Amino acid sequence: MSSHPFKTSYYDYVLPKNLIAQYPTAIRDESRLLVLHKKNSEIEHRKFHEITEYLNCGDVLVLNDTKVIPARIVGSKTTGGKVEALIIKEIEDGIWEMLLKSNSKLKENETLHFDDNSAKGRIVCHNKNGSFTIEFKNSKKFKEVLKNTGNMPLPPYIKRNPENKSLRMLDKKRYQTVYAKKLGAVAAPTAGLHFTENLLERIAAKGIKIAYITLHVGLGTFKPVKAEYLTQHTMHKEFYFVPKNTIDTINEARSLGRKVIATGTTTCRALETIANNGTIKESAGWTDLFIYPPYRFGLTDSLITNFHLQRTSLILLVSAFAGRENTLNSYEDAKNLRYRFYSYGDCMLIL
């Protein structure tokens, strides 16, 4: 193994396929929790609902309230040919960026029909990156169609039979956090999937403040870093919003020496973006912040995170937070104890 800290291969690990979780645990907060104390590299093995033991009165738990768009949807061309669409994002009201798959060439100004014609979209243009821009005259109608007929855009390593309706319903419910509010993500902020309403109530009852940010997770989240050196990688952009009350809550906690716990790499990315901008007011925009070792964290004291794919920006962020050796040792430990990995898998708490 190369010992060059900026070499992408320095963050590789091998994962047996059977450890990639295909389904969520029966009960959200019954998933396993690996607790890593980064200063002394000590590891504990717990259940997720025991996380309350590591959070103290006055600490702030920050959650990402983005909501996953049921982004996989099937439509047709005027000629009747089938078109499969995967939504990337809503650019503005009624205008969407999508990936389209069709047996025949799609042309500009062509009309696409969804849900037996109840929503019609016009192809505005074919973009340089291979996606399409589609305009819907009736934006509200299209959102309804999405809600009713769209399927969850599960990551490629979760295998599903499209005919299995009960699994489709399960994914619609479980590939979404219980506090998801703002529609806009095409992947779930997976660290948040372990929380239940009951657990959040227990956390609040302990005097821990709960604050929200929004970061709409994009498709780029699954893209591996292909460059040989991390410094050559171009990071994807994601939209974020941090409300003033969240910033106030965090600032107050920090002035009292309390900790800020980021739920997921997405939340951490939003917090570090505002830390880098030195903002103390409401903040919104597109972030392309790429966090990799060595990185000095400005607002994140502890991190809740799932186990991530190798060579992704996510495992690099975790390595920057916990240290590369700590991270890879934790992953080895988790593998030996048959933890479940990736989106529907188990979780880590890094203190």
Protein backbone atom coordinates (compact mmCIF):
# COMPACT_ATOMS: atom_id res chain seq x y z
CA MET A 1 0.00 0.00 0.00
CA SER A 2 1.23 3.45 -0.86
CA SER A 3 1.84 5.64 2.15
CA HIS A 4 1.21 8.88 0.28
CA PRO A 5 -1.59 10.62 2.22
CA PHE A 6 -2.91 12.35 -0.92
CA LYS A 7 -3.09 9.16 -2.97
CA THR A 8 -6.66 8.00 -3.46
CA SER A 9 -5.63 4.34 -3.12
CA TYR A 10 -4.49 5.11 0.43
CA TYR A 11 -8.17 5.00 1.46
CA ASP A 12 -9.05 1.64 -0.11
CA TYR A 13 -10.42 -1.34 1.77
CA VAL A 14 -11.92 -4.67 0.72
CA LEU A 15 -15.54 -5.47 1.58
CA PRO A 16 -17.19 -8.89 1.14
CA LYS A 17 -20.38 -8.44 -0.93
CA ASN A 18 -22.52 -10.20 1.69
CA LEU A 19 -21.91 -7.33 4.15
CA ILE A 20 -23.68 -4.79 1.90
CA ALA A 21 -27.07 -4.31 3.56
CA GLN A 22 -29.94 -4.97 1.14
CA TYR A 23 -32.71 -4.16 3.62
CA PRO A 24 -33.05 -1.90 6.67
CA THR A 25 -33.22 -3.39 10.19
CA ALA A 26 -36.78 -4.23 11.31
CA ILE A 27 -36.69 -1.34 13.80
CA ARG A 28 -34.71 1.78 12.87
CA ASP A 29 -32.86 2.33 16.15
CA GLU A 30 -32.04 -1.37 16.65
CA SER A 31 -29.18 -1.10 14.15
CA ARG A 32 -25.69 -1.55 15.54
CA LEU A 33 -23.51 1.36 16.61
CA LEU A 34 -19.74 1.29 16.59
CA VAL A 35 -18.47 4.01 18.94
CA LEU A 36 -14.98 5.25 18.12
CA HIS A 37 -13.10 7.45 20.60
CA LYS A 38 -10.68 9.08 18.18
CA LYS A 39 -8.17 10.36 20.76
CA ASN A 40 -7.29 6.95 22.22
CA SER A 41 -8.59 4.81 19.29
CA GLU A 42 -10.82 2.86 21.65
CA ILE A 43 -13.84 1.13 20.11
CA GLU A 44 -17.14 0.11 21.73
CA HIS A 45 -20.01 -1.88 20.23
CA ARG A 46 -23.54 -0.77 21.08
CA LYS A 47 -27.07 -0.48 19.69
CA PHE A 48 -28.06 2.80 18.04
CA HIS A 49 -30.72 3.67 20.63
CA GLU A 50 -27.94 3.72 23.28
CA ILE A 51 -26.49 6.81 21.59
CA THR A 52 -28.20 8.95 24.27
CA GLU A 53 -25.49 7.80 26.71
CA TYR A 54 -22.88 9.71 24.69
CA LEU A 55 -24.82 12.98 24.32
CA ASN A 56 -24.94 15.50 27.16
CA CYS A 57 -27.34 18.19 28.28
CA GLY A 58 -26.67 21.40 26.32
CA ASP A 59 -25.07 19.61 23.35
CA VAL A 60 -26.57 20.25 19.90
CA LEU A 61 -27.60 17.37 17.65
CA VAL A 62 -27.75 18.69 14.07
CA LEU A 63 -29.97 16.83 11.59
CA ASN A 64 -30.39 17.19 7.82
CA ASP A 65 -34.12 17.56 7.05
CA THR A 66 -33.81 17.03 3.30
CA LYS A 67 -36.44 14.74 1.78
CA VAL A 68 -35.65 12.18 -0.91
CA ILE A 69 -37.56 12.71 -4.16
CA PRO A 70 -39.10 9.42 -5.38
CA ALA A 71 -36.88 10.16 -8.36
CA ARG A 72 -37.24 7.08 -10.56
CA ILE A 73 -40.25 7.48 -12.81
CA VAL A 74 -41.43 5.89 -16.06
CA GLY A 75 -43.04 7.92 -18.83
CA SER A 76 -43.61 7.65 -22.55
CA LYS A 77 -43.01 9.56 -25.74
CA THR A 78 -45.91 10.77 -27.89
CA THR A 79 -45.14 7.82 -30.20
CA GLY A 80 -45.71 5.44 -27.26
CA GLY A 81 -42.07 4.45 -26.67
CA LYS A 82 -41.08 3.98 -23.01
CA VAL A 83 -38.83 6.53 -21.28
CA GLU A 84 -37.17 5.86 -17.92
CA ALA A 85 -36.31 8.99 -15.97
CA LEU A 86 -34.10 9.61 -12.96
CA ILE A 87 -34.47 13.08 -11.49
CA ILE A 88 -31.25 14.88 -10.61
CA LYS A 89 -32.72 18.12 -9.27
CA GLU A 90 -35.38 20.77 -9.62
CA ILE A 91 -33.60 23.76 -11.16
CA GLU A 92 -36.50 26.12 -10.50
CA ASP A 93 -40.25 25.70 -10.20
CA GLY A 94 -41.40 23.46 -13.07
CA ILE A 95 -37.93 22.99 -14.55
CA TRP A 96 -36.08 19.78 -13.75
CA GLU A 97 -32.78 18.17 -14.64
CA MET A 98 -33.12 14.44 -15.38
CA LEU A 99 -31.27 11.47 -16.78
CA LEU A 100 -33.41 9.82 -19.48
CA LYS A 101 -33.20 6.34 -20.95
CA SER A 102 -35.09 5.50 -24.13
CA ASN A 103 -34.73 3.01 -26.97
CA SER A 104 -34.83 5.78 -29.55
CA LYS A 105 -33.16 9.19 -29.72
CA LEU A 106 -34.79 11.95 -27.71
CA LYS A 107 -35.13 15.32 -29.40
CA GLU A 108 -35.42 18.87 -28.15
CA ASN A 109 -39.02 20.17 -27.87
CA GLU A 110 -40.33 16.60 -27.75
CA THR A 111 -43.15 16.03 -25.24
CA LEU A 112 -42.91 13.34 -22.57
CA HIS A 113 -46.03 11.95 -20.88
CA PHE A 114 -46.14 10.73 -17.29
CA ASP A 115 -48.87 8.88 -15.41
CA ASP A 116 -51.15 8.19 -18.39
CA ASN A 117 -50.78 11.68 -19.74
CA SER A 118 -51.75 13.56 -16.56
CA ALA A 119 -48.38 15.35 -16.53
CA LYS A 120 -46.57 16.50 -19.65
CA GLY A 121 -43.00 17.71 -19.89
CA ARG A 122 -41.16 19.31 -22.80
CA ILE A 123 -37.50 18.51 -23.45
CA VAL A 124 -35.81 21.92 -23.37
CA CYS A 125 -32.27 20.75 -24.07
CA HIS A 126 -29.73 17.94 -23.87
CA ASN A 127 -26.96 19.04 -21.48
CA LYS A 128 -23.21 18.58 -21.91
CA ASN A 129 -23.06 16.15 -18.95
CA GLY A 130 -25.57 13.83 -20.66
CA SER A 131 -28.62 14.92 -18.66
CA PHE A 132 -31.75 16.64 -20.00
CA THR A 133 -33.60 19.78 -18.93
CA ILE A 134 -37.38 19.25 -18.88
CA GLU A 135 -40.08 21.88 -18.43
CA PHE A 136 -43.49 21.11 -16.92
CA LYS A 137 -46.22 23.70 -17.45
CA ASN A 138 -48.16 22.27 -14.50
CA SER A 139 -45.46 21.96 -11.85
CA LYS A 140 -47.88 21.03 -9.04
CA LYS A 141 -49.36 18.19 -11.08
CA PHE A 142 -45.94 16.72 -11.84
CA LYS A 143 -44.99 16.79 -8.14
CA GLU A 144 -48.20 14.87 -7.36
CA VAL A 145 -47.38 12.29 -10.03
CA LEU A 146 -43.89 11.92 -8.57
CA LYS A 147 -45.28 11.39 -5.10
CA ASN A 148 -47.78 8.78 -6.25
CA THR A 149 -45.91 6.84 -8.93
CA GLY A 150 -42.20 7.63 -8.44
CA ASN A 151 -39.88 5.04 -6.91
CA MET A 152 -37.06 5.66 -4.48
CA PRO A 153 -33.72 6.16 -6.24
CA LEU A 154 -31.93 3.41 -4.33
CA PRO A 155 -28.16 3.22 -4.72
CA PRO A 156 -26.91 0.77 -7.35
CA TYR A 157 -25.63 -1.75 -4.76
CA ILE A 158 -29.14 -2.35 -3.37
CA LYS A 159 -30.77 -4.87 -5.70
CA ARG A 160 -34.53 -4.85 -6.23
CA ASN A 161 -37.05 -6.66 -8.39
CA PRO A 162 -39.14 -3.80 -9.88
CA GLU A 163 -42.24 -6.02 -9.70
CA ASN A 164 -42.04 -6.39 -5.92
CA LYS A 165 -44.66 -3.92 -4.67
CA SER A 166 -44.24 -4.59 -0.94
CA LEU A 167 -40.49 -3.86 -1.15
CA ARG A 168 -41.28 -0.68 -3.08
CA MET A 169 -43.51 0.44 -0.23
CA LEU A 170 -40.87 -0.50 2.34
CA ASP A 171 -38.23 1.56 0.51
CA LYS A 172 -40.58 4.54 0.20
CA LYS A 173 -40.89 4.59 3.97
CA ARG A 174 -37.44 3.48 5.12
CA TYR A 175 -35.17 5.24 2.60
CA GLN A 176 -36.34 8.46 4.24
CA THR A 177 -35.63 9.90 7.69
CA VAL A 178 -38.56 10.29 10.10
CA TYR A 179 -37.92 14.07 10.12
CA ALA A 180 -37.56 14.55 6.33
CA LYS A 181 -39.28 17.78 5.34
CA LYS A 182 -37.76 19.58 2.36
CA LEU A 183 -38.03 17.72 -0.95
CA GLY A 184 -34.86 17.87 -3.03
CA ALA A 185 -32.46 14.96 -2.42
CA VAL A 186 -31.84 12.03 -4.77
CA ALA A 187 -30.12 10.00 -2.04
CA ALA A 188 -30.94 9.72 1.65
CA PRO A 189 -28.75 11.28 4.35
CA THR A 190 -28.26 7.74 5.66
CA ALA A 191 -26.90 8.44 9.17
CA GLY A 192 -30.30 9.91 9.99
CA LEU A 193 -32.19 6.75 9.00
CA HIS A 194 -31.54 5.24 12.46
CA PHE A 195 -33.52 7.82 14.43
CA THR A 196 -37.10 7.16 15.55
CA GLU A 197 -39.63 9.73 16.84
CA ASN A 198 -39.30 8.09 20.25
CA LEU A 199 -35.50 8.32 20.32
CA LEU A 200 -35.62 12.00 19.31
CA GLU A 201 -38.06 12.64 22.17
CA ARG A 202 -35.68 10.90 24.61
CA ILE A 203 -32.79 13.01 23.32
CA ALA A 204 -34.75 16.25 23.74
CA ALA A 205 -35.90 15.18 27.23
CA LYS A 206 -32.23 14.88 28.23
CA GLY A 207 -31.74 18.60 27.49
CA ILE A 208 -29.96 18.06 24.18
CA LYS A 209 -30.88 20.70 21.61
CA ILE A 210 -32.01 19.45 18.19
CA ALA A 211 -31.28 21.76 15.26
CA TYR A 212 -31.83 21.34 11.52
CA ILE A 213 -29.95 22.17 8.36
CA THR A 214 -30.91 21.23 4.79
CA LEU A 215 -28.44 19.76 2.32
CA HIS A 216 -29.96 18.17 -0.77
CA VAL A 217 -27.85 15.08 -1.38
CA GLY A 218 -26.95 14.76 -5.06
CA LEU A 219 -26.07 11.79 -7.27
CA GLY A 220 -22.41 12.79 -6.97
CA THR A 221 -22.43 11.37 -3.45
CA PHE A 222 -21.93 7.82 -4.84
CA LYS A 223 -19.28 8.80 -7.39
CA PRO A 224 -15.85 7.40 -6.61
CA VAL A 225 -12.85 9.72 -6.61
CA LYS A 226 -11.20 8.67 -9.88
CA ALA A 227 -8.16 10.94 -9.73
CA GLU A 228 -4.91 9.30 -8.58
CA TYR A 229 -4.33 12.18 -6.15
CA LEU A 230 -7.07 13.74 -4.03
CA THR A 231 -5.89 17.22 -4.94
CA GLN A 232 -6.91 16.56 -8.58
CA HIS A 233 -10.53 15.69 -7.76
CA THR A 234 -13.38 18.04 -8.71
CA MET A 235 -16.08 17.92 -6.06
CA HIS A 236 -19.78 17.86 -6.98
CA LYS A 237 -21.99 20.73 -5.81
CA GLU A 238 -24.94 20.35 -3.46
CA PHE A 239 -27.50 22.91 -2.33
CA TYR A 240 -27.56 23.75 1.39
CA PHE A 241 -29.54 25.98 3.72
CA VAL A 242 -28.68 26.75 7.34
CA PRO A 243 -31.37 28.77 9.16
CA LYS A 244 -30.51 31.53 11.60
CA ASN A 245 -31.98 29.70 14.62
CA THR A 246 -29.65 26.74 13.97
CA ILE A 247 -26.62 29.05 13.82
CA ASP A 248 -27.75 30.78 17.04
CA THR A 249 -28.26 27.43 18.81
CA ILE A 250 -24.79 26.24 17.76
CA ASN A 251 -23.07 29.50 18.74
CA GLU A 252 -24.73 29.50 22.14
CA ALA A 253 -23.75 25.86 22.82
CA ARG A 254 -20.16 26.51 21.78
CA SER A 255 -19.90 29.59 24.01
CA LEU A 256 -20.91 27.32 26.91
CA GLY A 257 -18.33 24.68 25.96
CA ARG A 258 -20.95 22.20 24.71
CA LYS A 259 -20.52 19.90 21.72
CA VAL A 260 -21.99 20.00 18.22
CA ILE A 261 -22.86 16.54 16.89
CA ALA A 262 -23.28 16.35 13.11
CA THR A 263 -25.62 13.61 11.88
CA GLY A 264 -24.02 12.40 8.66
CA THR A 265 -21.38 13.63 6.25
CA THR A 266 -24.05 15.84 4.61
CA THR A 267 -24.73 17.76 7.83
CA CYS A 268 -21.00 17.99 8.51
CA ARG A 269 -20.42 19.37 5.00
CA ALA A 270 -23.06 22.08 5.49
CA LEU A 271 -21.68 23.05 8.92
CA GLU A 272 -18.09 23.20 7.67
CA THR A 273 -19.19 25.26 4.66
CA ILE A 274 -20.62 27.96 6.94
CA ALA A 275 -17.59 27.67 9.25
CA ASN A 276 -15.31 28.31 6.26
CA ASN A 277 -17.44 31.25 5.17
CA GLY A 278 -17.23 32.60 8.72
CA THR A 279 -20.98 33.17 8.71
CA ILE A 280 -23.08 33.81 11.79
CA LYS A 281 -26.27 34.54 9.89
CA GLU A 282 -28.73 32.53 7.83
CA SER A 283 -26.88 30.98 4.93
CA ALA A 284 -27.84 29.27 1.66
CA GLY A 285 -26.08 28.35 -1.55
CA TRP A 286 -24.24 25.60 -3.40
CA THR A 287 -21.30 23.95 -1.67
CA ASP A 288 -18.46 22.14 -3.39
CA LEU A 289 -16.43 21.79 -0.19
CA PHE A 290 -14.22 18.69 -0.45
CA ILE A 291 -13.07 17.54 3.00
CA TYR A 292 -10.09 15.16 3.10
CA PRO A 293 -7.10 14.67 5.46
CA PRO A 294 -5.64 16.79 6.87
CA TYR A 295 -8.55 19.14 7.51
CA ARG A 296 -9.27 21.36 10.47
CA PHE A 297 -12.94 21.12 11.48
CA GLY A 298 -14.53 24.41 12.47
CA LEU A 299 -17.95 23.40 13.81
CA THR A 300 -18.13 19.61 14.09
CA ASP A 301 -17.17 18.06 17.45
CA SER A 302 -18.68 14.59 17.00
CA LEU A 303 -19.92 12.74 13.93
CA ILE A 304 -22.65 10.13 13.42
CA THR A 305 -22.09 8.33 10.13
CA ASN A 306 -22.74 5.08 8.28
CA PHE A 307 -20.01 2.88 6.75
CA HIS A 308 -19.13 4.20 3.30
CA LEU A 309 -17.87 2.94 -0.05
CA GLN A 310 -14.16 3.11 -0.64
CA ARG A 311 -12.77 5.97 -2.72
CA THR A 312 -15.82 8.19 -2.14
CA SER A 313 -15.67 11.73 -0.77
CA LEU A 314 -17.64 10.37 2.22
CA ILE A 315 -14.96 7.98 3.50
CA LEU A 316 -12.42 10.76 2.98
CA LEU A 317 -14.45 13.13 5.15
CA VAL A 318 -14.66 10.44 7.87
CA SER A 319 -10.89 9.85 7.60
CA ALA A 320 -10.29 13.58 7.95
CA PHE A 321 -12.44 13.61 11.09
CA ALA A 322 -11.28 10.42 12.82
CA GLY A 323 -7.86 9.91 11.23
CA ARG A 324 -7.20 7.41 8.45
CA GLU A 325 -5.86 4.61 10.66
CA ASN A 326 -8.72 4.92 13.14
CA THR A 327 -11.23 4.83 10.28
CA LEU A 328 -9.75 1.81 8.52
CA ASN A 329 -9.24 -0.06 11.82
CA SER A 330 -12.88 0.59 12.72
CA TYR A 331 -13.96 -0.72 9.32
CA GLU A 332 -11.87 -3.89 9.83
CA ASP A 333 -13.43 -4.37 13.24
CA ALA A 334 -16.90 -3.86 11.81
CA LYS A 335 -16.19 -6.38 9.04
CA ASN A 336 -14.95 -9.02 11.51
CA LEU A 337 -18.09 -8.56 13.62
CA ARG A 338 -20.29 -8.70 10.51
CA TYR A 339 -21.67 -5.19 10.73
CA ARG A 340 -23.91 -4.24 7.81
CA PHE A 341 -22.44 -1.64 5.42
CA TYR A 342 -23.63 1.30 3.29
CA SER A 343 -27.02 3.03 3.04
CA TYR A 344 -29.22 0.49 4.84
CA GLY A 345 -26.37 -0.62 7.06
CA ASP A 346 -25.21 0.02 10.62
CA CYS A 347 -23.71 3.18 12.04
CA MET A 348 -20.68 4.77 13.70
CA LEU A 349 -20.44 7.47 16.35
CA ILE A 350 -17.07 9.23 16.32
CA LEU A 351 -16.28 11.13 19.51
